[in-house]
Structure formats: structure tokens, C-alpha cells
């Protein structure tokens, strides 16, 4: 894939993280400070941004991802330009990631101005974590090339990017952005413009429940976090959440949900209608060949073995894979 010229609209945390990701992968990246500033203030901001990016790259090199001697070469691909140079910077960009503060009017103003200066064939993506694409798209020149691309911090490490197209977004724009993200080692997923996207919506429930358990005295904060790291997170790092429902069976989730909603006297544990419907249709998961995913034609024993093997690798990575304890064997006596 040809190198795309990347521009980050805003030189804050998100822009800096995205810059690390693309510069590392060989792309020229411009951080555009889209806020008018005095010259000295801009120089200070640019120095801060470049210092942080260099520090991040140095840290990653220290983890063994690449040779520290290559940091300077990667840094040479990153530039920071002031608001006064917005027009020439934007017209040269192939993909623009907007990362200005999470204020609706601030974003609308930045997107309206930036889109008017961009080429018609360039992609414009907002990295917003809270504002839906069509709450912004009406202000964008040529909304057909506009969509949300929600990165998870730290953007230069977490693989996932949630791509959320709007009503007007062209299919080829989605495909092109996904291909570019994949080319730099990211894992894009497409989701509808819905509050919370995917990960924030799931994690908000989980984090609130963890806090609630501390409040109720169920366990200490340390033990709840240990349970998440070595149980919840350990398992779901290999098996997707819906895949795990299928692995155990939707009927198991349904029964557990009924018990919890009654025992804890809370409707928040009740299973959604889709679980009940799949049970009525006989689509309980692996056992029936269909659940949330389709397993028909799949070698189920090989699939299970592969997933268990991946869990064993996670066990090794955590330093928890131990050799078996075997009975002591007597040493043969010498003649």
C-alpha cells in the first residue's frame, strides 16, 4: 500500500499517539495546531509534542520493539505546524484525524474549517469518544468522506480502532480507512453510530459493577482487580465475549442471569431478549453449531484445541505455567 500523508488536527494527547503509530509505520505525519497562538506559545507546544513523541518512541525501543538508534529516523517523519499554515498542510493530507477537545461546538468549528480546506478525495475522521458521527457530519464539507475513528489510549499500543460511519459515508471510504489502519498494525471494527460505541459501552458497565462490589463489601479493590486480570481479562483476551457465550452455551447464560437478577434483586442482570430468542430457535452455541457465530462446517475439536492452546500461551506469558509435580522415583542401587 502506498504511503498516505497523515494529518492530525490538534497536537494534544490523541494526535501525538496517532503520530507515533503512523510515523513508526513509515508515514509522513503532520500535527496541525489548529488554535491561533502567539509565536512563542506555538514553539513551546511544538517542542512539548515532539519531546513527548520522542520519549514514547524511546520507551518502546526500550521494550525491545525496535533499535533505539532508529528513533531519530522515525522522528524525522513527524512535523508540527501552526494554525497559520493550516491551508497548505490540509490540502496535502490524504487522511485527517481530528483530535480537538471533546466539546461539540469546538469540534464542529474545527471540522467545518478543516473540511473546507481539504482535497475532495481526502478522508476526514473524528477521533471523538463521545460524539456521534451524524451530530457532526452536517457541518462537514462533503460528508460522504467523513466518519468516526475512535482510538483507544494509548493509541500507539492498543490495536483496536472503532470505525463508525454516518448516514452519508461512502462504502469505499470505510474500506480505504480500514485498509490503512490494518497496514499500520491496527484492528478496525465497524460499528453503528451508537452512544459508547462498543468498548466504552461494555467497559462502563464492568467498571461501575466493580466499583459497586467494593461499595457493597463483596471483596477488596485489590482482589477484584486480581479477579479481573486473572479471570475476566485472561479469558476474554482469547475468546471474544459473544464467542464465550457460544462456548458455554446461551442456556447457561440465561440460567445465570435469572439467578443473579433474582438474588441481587436487580433487573440489570436480566438476559436480553436476543438470548431467549436464540434458545427458542435452538441456537445455543457450539453444541448446536450456531449461536451468535456460525460453527457449521467447522472442525469443533480442532477449534477448541486452538483456543485452549492460546489460553496456555497466555498462562506462559503470565509466568503461571508450571511443570507437573511428579512422584519421586527411587534411584537404582549400584551393584
C-alpha atoms as a PDB file:
ATOM      1  CA  UNK A   1       0.000   0.000   0.000  1.00  0.00           C
ATOM      2  CA  UNK A   2       1.292   3.455  -0.960  1.00  0.00           C
ATOM      3  CA  UNK A   3       2.244   5.715   1.930  1.00  0.00           C
ATOM      4  CA  UNK A   4      -0.595   8.025   2.949  1.00  0.00           C
ATOM      5  CA  UNK A   5       0.122  11.555   4.152  1.00  0.00           C
ATOM      6  CA  UNK A   6      -1.423  11.771   7.612  1.00  0.00           C
ATOM      7  CA  UNK A   7      -2.504  14.943   9.378  1.00  0.00           C
ATOM      8  CA  UNK A   8      -3.621  15.096  12.991  1.00  0.00           C
ATOM      9  CA  UNK A   9      -5.907  18.048  13.643  1.00  0.00           C
ATOM     10  CA  UNK A  10      -4.775  19.057  17.110  1.00  0.00           C
ATOM     11  CA  UNK A  11      -1.409  18.452  18.773  1.00  0.00           C
ATOM     12  CA  UNK A  12      -2.713  17.009  22.051  1.00  0.00           C
ATOM     13  CA  UNK A  13      -2.551  13.514  23.514  1.00  0.00           C
ATOM     14  CA  UNK A  14      -4.584  11.771  20.817  1.00  0.00           C
ATOM     15  CA  UNK A  15      -2.791  13.463  17.939  1.00  0.00           C
ATOM     16  CA  UNK A  16       0.574  12.602  19.430  1.00  0.00           C
ATOM     17  CA  UNK A  17      -0.399   8.962  19.921  1.00  0.00           C
ATOM     18  CA  UNK A  18      -1.663   8.642  16.346  1.00  0.00           C
ATOM     19  CA  UNK A  19       1.515  10.328  15.104  1.00  0.00           C
ATOM     20  CA  UNK A  20       3.657   7.701  16.845  1.00  0.00           C
ATOM     21  CA  UNK A  21       1.637   4.913  15.235  1.00  0.00           C
ATOM     22  CA  UNK A  22       1.847   6.217  11.660  1.00  0.00           C
ATOM     23  CA  UNK A  23       5.424   7.516  11.782  1.00  0.00           C
ATOM     24  CA  UNK A  24       6.536   4.140  13.142  1.00  0.00           C
ATOM     25  CA  UNK A  25       4.834   2.510  10.135  1.00  0.00           C
ATOM     26  CA  UNK A  26       6.636   4.755   7.639  1.00  0.00           C
ATOM     27  CA  UNK A  27       4.125   7.548   7.012  1.00  0.00           C
ATOM     28  CA  UNK A  28       4.765  11.276   6.974  1.00  0.00           C
ATOM     29  CA  UNK A  29       2.699  12.811   9.786  1.00  0.00           C
ATOM     30  CA  UNK A  30       1.796  16.440  10.383  1.00  0.00           C
ATOM     31  CA  UNK A  31       0.481  17.644  13.720  1.00  0.00           C
ATOM     32  CA  UNK A  32      -1.553  20.771  12.990  1.00  0.00           C
ATOM     33  CA  UNK A  33      -2.037  23.075  15.948  1.00  0.00           C
ATOM     34  CA  UNK A  34      -5.459  24.386  14.911  1.00  0.00           C
ATOM     35  CA  UNK A  35      -5.647  27.016  17.637  1.00  0.00           C
ATOM     36  CA  UNK A  36      -4.305  30.550  16.952  1.00  0.00           C
ATOM     37  CA  UNK A  37      -1.333  31.239  19.246  1.00  0.00           C
ATOM     38  CA  UNK A  38       1.463  33.688  19.686  1.00  0.00           C
ATOM     39  CA  UNK A  39       4.724  32.514  18.138  1.00  0.00           C
ATOM     40  CA  UNK A  40       6.407  31.707  21.460  1.00  0.00           C
ATOM     41  CA  UNK A  41       3.364  29.753  22.651  1.00  0.00           C
ATOM     42  CA  UNK A  42       3.361  27.686  19.458  1.00  0.00           C
ATOM     43  CA  UNK A  43       7.089  26.981  19.738  1.00  0.00           C
ATOM     44  CA  UNK A  44       6.563  25.742  23.300  1.00  0.00           C
ATOM     45  CA  UNK A  45       3.665  23.499  22.201  1.00  0.00           C
ATOM     46  CA  UNK A  46       5.612  22.076  19.258  1.00  0.00           C
ATOM     47  CA  UNK A  47       8.605  21.353  21.489  1.00  0.00           C
ATOM     48  CA  UNK A  48       6.350  19.625  24.015  1.00  0.00           C
ATOM     49  CA  UNK A  49       4.696  17.482  21.341  1.00  0.00           C
ATOM     50  CA  UNK A  50       7.944  16.406  19.690  1.00  0.00           C
ATOM     51  CA  UNK A  51       9.592  15.737  23.058  1.00  0.00           C
ATOM     52  CA  UNK A  52       6.687  13.515  24.120  1.00  0.00           C
ATOM     53  CA  UNK A  53       6.681  11.616  20.820  1.00  0.00           C
ATOM     54  CA  UNK A  54      10.451  11.043  21.037  1.00  0.00           C
ATOM     55  CA  UNK A  55      10.095   9.905  24.652  1.00  0.00           C
ATOM     56  CA  UNK A  56       7.335   7.464  23.670  1.00  0.00           C
ATOM     57  CA  UNK A  57       9.429   6.010  20.855  1.00  0.00           C
ATOM     58  CA  UNK A  58      12.438   5.713  23.161  1.00  0.00           C
ATOM     59  CA  UNK A  59      10.304   3.858  25.695  1.00  0.00           C
ATOM     60  CA  UNK A  60       9.018   1.456  23.027  1.00  0.00           C
ATOM     61  CA  UNK A  61      12.581   0.845  21.855  1.00  0.00           C
ATOM     62  CA  UNK A  62      13.499   0.109  25.459  1.00  0.00           C
ATOM     63  CA  UNK A  63      10.892  -2.653  25.442  1.00  0.00           C
ATOM     64  CA  UNK A  64      12.719  -4.265  22.535  1.00  0.00           C
ATOM     65  CA  UNK A  65      10.255  -3.398  19.768  1.00  0.00           C
ATOM     66  CA  UNK A  66      12.997  -1.850  17.634  1.00  0.00           C
ATOM     67  CA  UNK A  67      16.552  -0.494  17.797  1.00  0.00           C
ATOM     68  CA  UNK A  68      16.841   2.754  19.754  1.00  0.00           C
ATOM     69  CA  UNK A  69      19.153   4.053  17.025  1.00  0.00           C
ATOM     70  CA  UNK A  70      16.095   4.224  14.724  1.00  0.00           C
ATOM     71  CA  UNK A  71      14.222   6.747  16.883  1.00  0.00           C
ATOM     72  CA  UNK A  72      15.734   9.709  15.037  1.00  0.00           C
ATOM     73  CA  UNK A  73      14.731   8.312  11.640  1.00  0.00           C
ATOM     74  CA  UNK A  74      11.155   7.799  12.816  1.00  0.00           C
ATOM     75  CA  UNK A  75      11.045  11.273  14.344  1.00  0.00           C
ATOM     76  CA  UNK A  76      12.109  12.789  11.022  1.00  0.00           C
ATOM     77  CA  UNK A  77       8.683  11.847   9.639  1.00  0.00           C
ATOM     78  CA  UNK A  78       6.822  13.988  12.211  1.00  0.00           C
ATOM     79  CA  UNK A  79       6.331  17.736  11.936  1.00  0.00           C
ATOM     80  CA  UNK A  80       4.279  20.254  13.908  1.00  0.00           C
ATOM     81  CA  UNK A  81       2.847  23.249  12.069  1.00  0.00           C
ATOM     82  CA  UNK A  82       0.998  26.325  13.357  1.00  0.00           C
ATOM     83  CA  UNK A  83      -2.573  27.359  12.624  1.00  0.00           C
ATOM     84  CA  UNK A  84      -1.275  29.946  10.149  1.00  0.00           C
ATOM     85  CA  UNK A  85      -0.071  27.109   7.901  1.00  0.00           C
ATOM     86  CA  UNK A  86      -3.373  25.206   8.042  1.00  0.00           C
ATOM     87  CA  UNK A  87      -4.323  25.695   4.388  1.00  0.00           C
ATOM     88  CA  UNK A  88      -1.179  24.212   2.744  1.00  0.00           C
ATOM     89  CA  UNK A  89      -0.949  21.450   5.368  1.00  0.00           C
ATOM     90  CA  UNK A  90      -4.554  20.322   4.927  1.00  0.00           C
ATOM     91  CA  UNK A  91      -4.531  20.371   1.142  1.00  0.00           C
ATOM     92  CA  UNK A  92      -1.572  17.966   1.146  1.00  0.00           C
ATOM     93  CA  UNK A  93      -3.167  15.460   3.556  1.00  0.00           C
ATOM     94  CA  UNK A  94      -4.656  12.145   2.404  1.00  0.00           C
ATOM     95  CA  UNK A  95      -6.225  11.303   5.770  1.00  0.00           C
ATOM     96  CA  UNK A  96      -7.038  13.780   8.548  1.00  0.00           C
ATOM     97  CA  UNK A  97      -7.713  12.589  12.104  1.00  0.00           C
ATOM     98  CA  UNK A  98      -9.479  15.253  14.167  1.00  0.00           C
ATOM     99  CA  UNK A  99      -8.490  15.224  17.819  1.00  0.00           C
ATOM    100  CA  UNK A 100      -9.530  18.600  19.242  1.00  0.00           C
ATOM    101  CA  UNK A 101     -11.182  18.808  22.718  1.00  0.00           C
ATOM    102  CA  UNK A 102     -14.435  16.895  23.301  1.00  0.00           C
ATOM    103  CA  UNK A 103     -16.687  19.940  23.054  1.00  0.00           C
ATOM    104  CA  UNK A 104     -19.381  19.754  20.370  1.00  0.00           C
ATOM    105  CA  UNK A 105     -19.088  23.354  19.195  1.00  0.00           C
ATOM    106  CA  UNK A 106     -15.287  23.204  19.210  1.00  0.00           C
ATOM    107  CA  UNK A 107     -15.332  20.080  17.080  1.00  0.00           C
ATOM    108  CA  UNK A 108     -17.930  21.444  14.697  1.00  0.00           C
ATOM    109  CA  UNK A 109     -15.933  24.612  14.158  1.00  0.00           C
ATOM    110  CA  UNK A 110     -12.707  22.703  13.555  1.00  0.00           C
ATOM    111  CA  UNK A 111     -14.317  20.146  11.231  1.00  0.00           C
ATOM    112  CA  UNK A 112     -16.144  22.774   9.181  1.00  0.00           C
ATOM    113  CA  UNK A 113     -12.999  24.799   8.614  1.00  0.00           C
ATOM    114  CA  UNK A 114     -10.698  21.823   8.020  1.00  0.00           C
ATOM    115  CA  UNK A 115     -13.047  20.081   5.576  1.00  0.00           C
ATOM    116  CA  UNK A 116     -13.327  23.257   3.506  1.00  0.00           C
ATOM    117  CA  UNK A 117      -9.535  23.314   3.104  1.00  0.00           C
ATOM    118  CA  UNK A 118      -9.048  19.603   2.333  1.00  0.00           C
ATOM    119  CA  UNK A 119      -8.980  17.949  -1.060  1.00  0.00           C
ATOM    120  CA  UNK A 120     -12.291  16.273  -2.040  1.00  0.00           C
ATOM    121  CA  UNK A 121     -10.638  12.835  -2.188  1.00  0.00           C
ATOM    122  CA  UNK A 122      -9.131  13.061   1.314  1.00  0.00           C
ATOM    123  CA  UNK A 123     -10.688  11.219   4.266  1.00  0.00           C
ATOM    124  CA  UNK A 124     -11.735  13.112   7.384  1.00  0.00           C
ATOM    125  CA  UNK A 125     -12.135  11.074  10.580  1.00  0.00           C
ATOM    126  CA  UNK A 126     -13.058  12.331  14.030  1.00  0.00           C
ATOM    127  CA  UNK A 127     -11.370  10.524  16.905  1.00  0.00           C
ATOM    128  CA  UNK A 128     -14.165  11.528  19.291  1.00  0.00           C
ATOM    129  CA  UNK A 129     -15.022   9.063  22.042  1.00  0.00           C
ATOM    130  CA  UNK A 130     -18.430  10.546  22.858  1.00  0.00           C
ATOM    131  CA  UNK A 131     -19.998  12.468  19.960  1.00  0.00           C
ATOM    132  CA  UNK A 132     -21.832  10.552  17.248  1.00  0.00           C
ATOM    133  CA  UNK A 133     -20.815  10.994  13.628  1.00  0.00           C
ATOM    134  CA  UNK A 134     -24.107  12.484  12.416  1.00  0.00           C
ATOM    135  CA  UNK A 135     -24.072  15.057  15.186  1.00  0.00           C
ATOM    136  CA  UNK A 136     -21.016  16.402  13.369  1.00  0.00           C
ATOM    137  CA  UNK A 137     -21.364  15.384   9.721  1.00  0.00           C
ATOM    138  CA  UNK A 138     -23.895  18.055   8.737  1.00  0.00           C
ATOM    139  CA  UNK A 139     -21.234  20.714   9.271  1.00  0.00           C
ATOM    140  CA  UNK A 140     -18.613  18.918   7.154  1.00  0.00           C
ATOM    141  CA  UNK A 141     -17.960  19.802   3.530  1.00  0.00           C
ATOM    142  CA  UNK A 142     -18.576  16.573   1.579  1.00  0.00           C
ATOM    143  CA  UNK A 143     -19.805  14.384   4.468  1.00  0.00           C
ATOM    144  CA  UNK A 144     -19.504  11.332   2.207  1.00  0.00           C
ATOM    145  CA  UNK A 145     -15.807  11.128   3.196  1.00  0.00           C
ATOM    146  CA  UNK A 146     -16.413  11.728   6.925  1.00  0.00           C
ATOM    147  CA  UNK A 147     -16.711   9.145   9.734  1.00  0.00           C
ATOM    148  CA  UNK A 148     -15.666   8.492  13.321  1.00  0.00           C
ATOM    149  CA  UNK A 149     -12.469   6.582  14.097  1.00  0.00           C
ATOM    150  CA  UNK A 150     -12.320   6.013  17.855  1.00  0.00           C
ATOM    151  CA  UNK A 151      -8.821   5.053  19.027  1.00  0.00           C
ATOM    152  CA  UNK A 152      -8.261   3.593  22.482  1.00  0.00           C
ATOM    153  CA  UNK A 153      -5.468   5.048  24.591  1.00  0.00           C
ATOM    154  CA  UNK A 154      -2.602   4.609  24.398  1.00  0.00           C
ATOM    155  CA  UNK A 155      -3.250   4.870  20.658  1.00  0.00           C
ATOM    156  CA  UNK A 156       0.239   3.690  19.734  1.00  0.00           C
ATOM    157  CA  UNK A 157      -0.201   0.376  21.602  1.00  0.00           C
ATOM    158  CA  UNK A 158      -3.872  -0.676  21.748  1.00  0.00           C
ATOM    159  CA  UNK A 159      -4.662  -2.379  18.404  1.00  0.00           C
ATOM    160  CA  UNK A 160      -8.391  -1.644  18.249  1.00  0.00           C
ATOM    161  CA  UNK A 161      -9.913   1.285  16.357  1.00  0.00           C
ATOM    162  CA  UNK A 162     -13.726   1.563  16.333  1.00  0.00           C
ATOM    163  CA  UNK A 163     -14.824   2.881  12.932  1.00  0.00           C
ATOM    164  CA  UNK A 164     -18.318   4.380  12.914  1.00  0.00           C
ATOM    165  CA  UNK A 165     -19.663   5.623   9.567  1.00  0.00           C
ATOM    166  CA  UNK A 166     -22.522   8.082   9.238  1.00  0.00           C
ATOM    167  CA  UNK A 167     -25.590   8.039   7.031  1.00  0.00           C
ATOM    168  CA  UNK A 168     -23.676   9.657   4.163  1.00  0.00           C
ATOM    169  CA  UNK A 169     -20.325   7.876   4.467  1.00  0.00           C
ATOM    170  CA  UNK A 170     -19.352   6.093   1.251  1.00  0.00           C
ATOM    171  CA  UNK A 171     -18.533   2.378   1.495  1.00  0.00           C
ATOM    172  CA  UNK A 172     -15.204   2.906  -0.291  1.00  0.00           C
ATOM    173  CA  UNK A 173     -14.169   5.437   2.369  1.00  0.00           C
ATOM    174  CA  UNK A 174     -14.775   2.860   5.104  1.00  0.00           C
ATOM    175  CA  UNK A 175     -12.851   0.213   3.158  1.00  0.00           C
ATOM    176  CA  UNK A 176      -9.927   2.547   2.460  1.00  0.00           C
ATOM    177  CA  UNK A 177      -9.609   3.728   6.055  1.00  0.00           C
ATOM    178  CA  UNK A 178      -9.816   0.147   7.362  1.00  0.00           C
ATOM    179  CA  UNK A 179      -7.114  -0.942   4.926  1.00  0.00           C
ATOM    180  CA  UNK A 180      -4.816   1.888   6.013  1.00  0.00           C
ATOM    181  CA  UNK A 181      -5.391   1.100   9.688  1.00  0.00           C
ATOM    182  CA  UNK A 182      -4.670  -2.589   9.125  1.00  0.00           C
ATOM    183  CA  UNK A 183      -1.483  -1.696   7.226  1.00  0.00           C
ATOM    184  CA  UNK A 184      -0.096   0.014  10.352  1.00  0.00           C
ATOM    185  CA  UNK A 185      -0.976  -2.882  12.648  1.00  0.00           C
ATOM    186  CA  UNK A 186      -4.371  -1.755  13.891  1.00  0.00           C
ATOM    187  CA  UNK A 187      -7.516  -3.893  14.139  1.00  0.00           C
ATOM    188  CA  UNK A 188     -10.504  -1.849  12.923  1.00  0.00           C
ATOM    189  CA  UNK A 189     -14.092  -2.854  13.681  1.00  0.00           C
ATOM    190  CA  UNK A 190     -17.130  -1.189  12.139  1.00  0.00           C
ATOM    191  CA  UNK A 191     -19.996  -0.190  14.413  1.00  0.00           C
ATOM    192  CA  UNK A 192     -23.205   1.792  14.096  1.00  0.00           C
ATOM    193  CA  UNK A 193     -23.279   5.369  15.429  1.00  0.00           C
ATOM    194  CA  UNK A 194     -24.486   4.400  18.892  1.00  0.00           C
ATOM    195  CA  UNK A 195     -23.582   6.044  22.220  1.00  0.00           C
ATOM    196  CA  UNK A 196     -20.488   4.433  23.712  1.00  0.00           C
ATOM    197  CA  UNK A 197     -19.526   2.607  20.523  1.00  0.00           C
ATOM    198  CA  UNK A 198     -18.506  -0.951  21.577  1.00  0.00           C
ATOM    199  CA  UNK A 199     -15.678  -0.980  24.114  1.00  0.00           C
ATOM    200  CA  UNK A 200     -16.651   2.107  26.173  1.00  0.00           C
ATOM    201  CA  UNK A 201     -20.215   0.806  26.458  1.00  0.00           C
ATOM    202  CA  UNK A 202     -19.101  -2.606  27.721  1.00  0.00           C
ATOM    203  CA  UNK A 203     -16.357  -1.300  29.985  1.00  0.00           C
ATOM    204  CA  UNK A 204     -18.622   1.325  31.595  1.00  0.00           C
ATOM    205  CA  UNK A 205     -20.897  -1.468  32.840  1.00  0.00           C
ATOM    206  CA  UNK A 206     -17.962  -3.562  34.032  1.00  0.00           C
ATOM    207  CA  UNK A 207     -16.180  -0.681  35.785  1.00  0.00           C
ATOM    208  CA  UNK A 208     -19.344   0.504  37.530  1.00  0.00           C
ATOM    209  CA  UNK A 209     -20.048  -3.053  38.682  1.00  0.00           C
ATOM    210  CA  UNK A 210     -16.508  -3.395  40.038  1.00  0.00           C
ATOM    211  CA  UNK A 211     -16.908  -0.136  41.978  1.00  0.00           C
ATOM    212  CA  UNK A 212     -20.315  -1.273  43.223  1.00  0.00           C
ATOM    213  CA  UNK A 213     -18.803  -4.508  44.586  1.00  0.00           C
ATOM    214  CA  UNK A 214     -16.249  -2.511  46.571  1.00  0.00           C
ATOM    215  CA  UNK A 215     -19.109  -0.365  47.897  1.00  0.00           C
ATOM    216  CA  UNK A 216     -21.054  -3.475  48.916  1.00  0.00           C
ATOM    217  CA  UNK A 217     -18.045  -5.088  50.588  1.00  0.00           C
ATOM    218  CA  UNK A 218     -18.022  -8.080  48.244  1.00  0.00           C
ATOM    219  CA  UNK A 219     -14.211  -8.002  48.045  1.00  0.00           C
ATOM    220  CA  UNK A 220     -11.316  -5.609  48.358  1.00  0.00           C
ATOM    221  CA  UNK A 221     -10.366  -3.419  45.423  1.00  0.00           C
ATOM    222  CA  UNK A 222      -7.103  -5.360  45.103  1.00  0.00           C
ATOM    223  CA  UNK A 223      -8.842  -8.731  44.964  1.00  0.00           C
ATOM    224  CA  UNK A 224     -11.473  -7.519  42.482  1.00  0.00           C
ATOM    225  CA  UNK A 225      -8.719  -6.269  40.195  1.00  0.00           C
ATOM    226  CA  UNK A 226      -6.861  -9.557  40.610  1.00  0.00           C
ATOM    227  CA  UNK A 227     -10.032 -11.416  39.634  1.00  0.00           C
ATOM    228  CA  UNK A 228     -10.389  -9.246  36.529  1.00  0.00           C
ATOM    229  CA  UNK A 229      -6.751  -9.692  35.472  1.00  0.00           C
ATOM    230  CA  UNK A 230      -6.524 -13.440  36.025  1.00  0.00           C
ATOM    231  CA  UNK A 231     -10.111 -14.459  35.256  1.00  0.00           C
ATOM    232  CA  UNK A 232     -12.187 -11.994  33.252  1.00  0.00           C
ATOM    233  CA  UNK A 233      -9.382 -10.386  31.251  1.00  0.00           C
ATOM    234  CA  UNK A 234      -7.340 -13.572  30.956  1.00  0.00           C
ATOM    235  CA  UNK A 235     -10.186 -15.439  29.281  1.00  0.00           C
ATOM    236  CA  UNK A 236     -11.588 -12.649  27.132  1.00  0.00           C
ATOM    237  CA  UNK A 237      -8.166 -11.867  25.726  1.00  0.00           C
ATOM    238  CA  UNK A 238      -8.511 -15.132  23.786  1.00  0.00           C
ATOM    239  CA  UNK A 239     -12.246 -15.747  23.487  1.00  0.00           C
ATOM    240  CA  UNK A 240     -14.487 -12.913  22.362  1.00  0.00           C
ATOM    241  CA  UNK A 241     -17.387 -12.182  24.686  1.00  0.00           C
ATOM    242  CA  UNK A 242     -20.070 -13.461  22.325  1.00  0.00           C
ATOM    243  CA  UNK A 243     -17.823 -16.351  21.344  1.00  0.00           C
ATOM    244  CA  UNK A 244     -17.624 -17.285  25.030  1.00  0.00           C
ATOM    245  CA  UNK A 245     -21.424 -17.290  25.302  1.00  0.00           C
ATOM    246  CA  UNK A 246     -21.433 -19.802  22.451  1.00  0.00           C
ATOM    247  CA  UNK A 247     -18.568 -21.774  24.039  1.00  0.00           C
ATOM    248  CA  UNK A 248     -20.505 -22.343  27.250  1.00  0.00           C
ATOM    249  CA  UNK A 249     -23.971 -22.195  25.719  1.00  0.00           C
ATOM    250  CA  UNK A 250     -26.584 -19.454  25.726  1.00  0.00           C
ATOM    251  CA  UNK A 251     -28.710 -21.577  28.045  1.00  0.00           C
ATOM    252  CA  UNK A 252     -26.013 -21.316  30.743  1.00  0.00           C
ATOM    253  CA  UNK A 253     -26.004 -17.526  30.476  1.00  0.00           C
ATOM    254  CA  UNK A 254     -29.793 -17.450  30.615  1.00  0.00           C
ATOM    255  CA  UNK A 255     -29.902 -19.526  33.792  1.00  0.00           C
ATOM    256  CA  UNK A 256     -27.142 -17.479  35.442  1.00  0.00           C
ATOM    257  CA  UNK A 257     -28.898 -14.241  34.522  1.00  0.00           C
ATOM    258  CA  UNK A 258     -32.183 -15.393  36.034  1.00  0.00           C
ATOM    259  CA  UNK A 259     -30.442 -16.367  39.261  1.00  0.00           C
ATOM    260  CA  UNK A 260     -28.469 -13.125  39.585  1.00  0.00           C
ATOM    261  CA  UNK A 261     -31.382 -10.841  38.763  1.00  0.00           C
ATOM    262  CA  UNK A 262     -33.430 -12.575  41.479  1.00  0.00           C
ATOM    263  CA  UNK A 263     -30.686 -12.998  44.084  1.00  0.00           C
ATOM    264  CA  UNK A 264     -29.424  -9.427  43.718  1.00  0.00           C
ATOM    265  CA  UNK A 265     -32.897  -8.029  43.142  1.00  0.00           C
ATOM    266  CA  UNK A 266     -31.789  -6.037  40.126  1.00  0.00           C
ATOM    267  CA  UNK A 267     -33.022  -6.049  36.527  1.00  0.00           C
ATOM    268  CA  UNK A 268     -29.558  -5.095  35.286  1.00  0.00           C
ATOM    269  CA  UNK A 269     -28.615  -8.793  35.324  1.00  0.00           C
ATOM    270  CA  UNK A 270     -31.562  -9.962  33.221  1.00  0.00           C
ATOM    271  CA  UNK A 271     -30.658 -11.535  29.880  1.00  0.00           C
ATOM    272  CA  UNK A 272     -31.671  -9.532  26.785  1.00  0.00           C
ATOM    273  CA  UNK A 273     -34.401 -10.819  24.500  1.00  0.00           C
ATOM    274  CA  UNK A 274     -31.876 -11.996  21.918  1.00  0.00           C
ATOM    275  CA  UNK A 275     -30.644 -14.684  24.340  1.00  0.00           C
ATOM    276  CA  UNK A 276     -34.146 -16.015  24.927  1.00  0.00           C
ATOM    277  CA  UNK A 277     -34.885 -15.916  21.203  1.00  0.00           C
ATOM    278  CA  UNK A 278     -31.796 -17.909  20.298  1.00  0.00           C
ATOM    279  CA  UNK A 279     -32.752 -20.518  22.877  1.00  0.00           C
ATOM    280  CA  UNK A 280     -36.215 -20.850  21.323  1.00  0.00           C
ATOM    281  CA  UNK A 281     -34.586 -21.240  17.911  1.00  0.00           C
ATOM    282  CA  UNK A 282     -32.226 -23.919  19.207  1.00  0.00           C
ATOM    283  CA  UNK A 283     -29.141 -21.788  18.536  1.00  0.00           C
ATOM    284  CA  UNK A 284     -27.328 -22.220  21.829  1.00  0.00           C
ATOM    285  CA  UNK A 285     -23.762 -22.147  20.507  1.00  0.00           C
ATOM    286  CA  UNK A 286     -21.105 -24.763  19.851  1.00  0.00           C
ATOM    287  CA  UNK A 287     -23.338 -27.634  20.917  1.00  0.00           C
ATOM    288  CA  UNK A 288     -25.847 -26.888  18.147  1.00  0.00           C
ATOM    289  CA  UNK A 289     -23.445 -25.466  15.561  1.00  0.00           C
ATOM    290  CA  UNK A 290     -24.959 -21.993  15.721  1.00  0.00           C
ATOM    291  CA  UNK A 291     -25.186 -19.255  18.291  1.00  0.00           C
ATOM    292  CA  UNK A 292     -24.021 -15.687  17.884  1.00  0.00           C
ATOM    293  CA  UNK A 293     -21.445 -17.147  15.490  1.00  0.00           C
ATOM    294  CA  UNK A 294     -21.872 -19.877  12.869  1.00  0.00           C
ATOM    295  CA  UNK A 295     -19.860 -23.044  13.532  1.00  0.00           C
ATOM    296  CA  UNK A 296     -21.364 -25.229  10.824  1.00  0.00           C
ATOM    297  CA  UNK A 297     -18.666 -26.977   8.832  1.00  0.00           C
ATOM    298  CA  UNK A 298     -16.046 -26.131  11.446  1.00  0.00           C
ATOM    299  CA  UNK A 299     -13.794 -28.803  12.943  1.00  0.00           C
ATOM    300  CA  UNK A 300     -15.020 -28.241  16.506  1.00  0.00           C
ATOM    301  CA  UNK A 301     -12.357 -30.368  18.296  1.00  0.00           C
ATOM    302  CA  UNK A 302      -9.585 -28.539  16.382  1.00  0.00           C
ATOM    303  CA  UNK A 303     -11.211 -25.172  17.150  1.00  0.00           C
ATOM    304  CA  UNK A 304     -11.428 -25.992  20.877  1.00  0.00           C
ATOM    305  CA  UNK A 305      -7.819 -27.187  20.907  1.00  0.00           C
ATOM    306  CA  UNK A 306      -6.633 -23.968  19.236  1.00  0.00           C
ATOM    307  CA  UNK A 307      -8.450 -21.807  21.759  1.00  0.00           C
ATOM    308  CA  UNK A 308      -7.152 -23.840  24.695  1.00  0.00           C
ATOM    309  CA  UNK A 309      -3.642 -23.608  23.235  1.00  0.00           C
ATOM    310  CA  UNK A 310      -3.974 -19.828  23.103  1.00  0.00           C
ATOM    311  CA  UNK A 311      -5.022 -19.799  26.764  1.00  0.00           C
ATOM    312  CA  UNK A 312      -1.972 -21.883  27.647  1.00  0.00           C
ATOM    313  CA  UNK A 313       0.214 -19.300  25.886  1.00  0.00           C
ATOM    314  CA  UNK A 314      -1.424 -16.588  27.999  1.00  0.00           C
ATOM    315  CA  UNK A 315      -0.627 -18.710  31.068  1.00  0.00           C
ATOM    316  CA  UNK A 316       3.014 -18.873  30.000  1.00  0.00           C
ATOM    317  CA  UNK A 317       3.093 -15.115  29.361  1.00  0.00           C
ATOM    318  CA  UNK A 318       1.871 -14.516  32.925  1.00  0.00           C
ATOM    319  CA  UNK A 319       4.570 -16.822  34.305  1.00  0.00           C
ATOM    320  CA  UNK A 320       1.935 -19.157  35.719  1.00  0.00           C
ATOM    321  CA  UNK A 321       2.590 -22.272  33.615  1.00  0.00           C
ATOM    322  CA  UNK A 322       4.329 -24.704  35.903  1.00  0.00           C
ATOM    323  CA  UNK A 323       5.651 -28.223  35.367  1.00  0.00           C
ATOM    324  CA  UNK A 324       3.658 -31.041  36.929  1.00  0.00           C
ATOM    325  CA  UNK A 325       4.533 -32.386  40.347  1.00  0.00           C
ATOM    326  CA  UNK A 326       5.548 -35.999  39.774  1.00  0.00           C
ATOM    327  CA  UNK A 327       6.100 -38.765  42.302  1.00  0.00           C
ATOM    328  CA  UNK A 328       9.695 -39.135  43.344  1.00  0.00           C
ATOM    329  CA  UNK A 329      11.418 -42.021  41.653  1.00  0.00           C
ATOM    330  CA  UNK A 330      13.891 -44.075  43.626  1.00  0.00           C
ATOM    331  CA  UNK A 331      17.473 -44.108  42.437  1.00  0.00           C
ATOM    332  CA  UNK A 332      18.519 -47.645  41.424  1.00  0.00           C
ATOM    333  CA  UNK A 333      21.132 -49.106  43.717  1.00  0.00           C
ATOM    334  CA  UNK A 334      24.537 -49.775  42.218  1.00  0.00           C
ATOM    335  CA  UNK A 335      25.853 -53.301  42.117  1.00  0.00           C
END
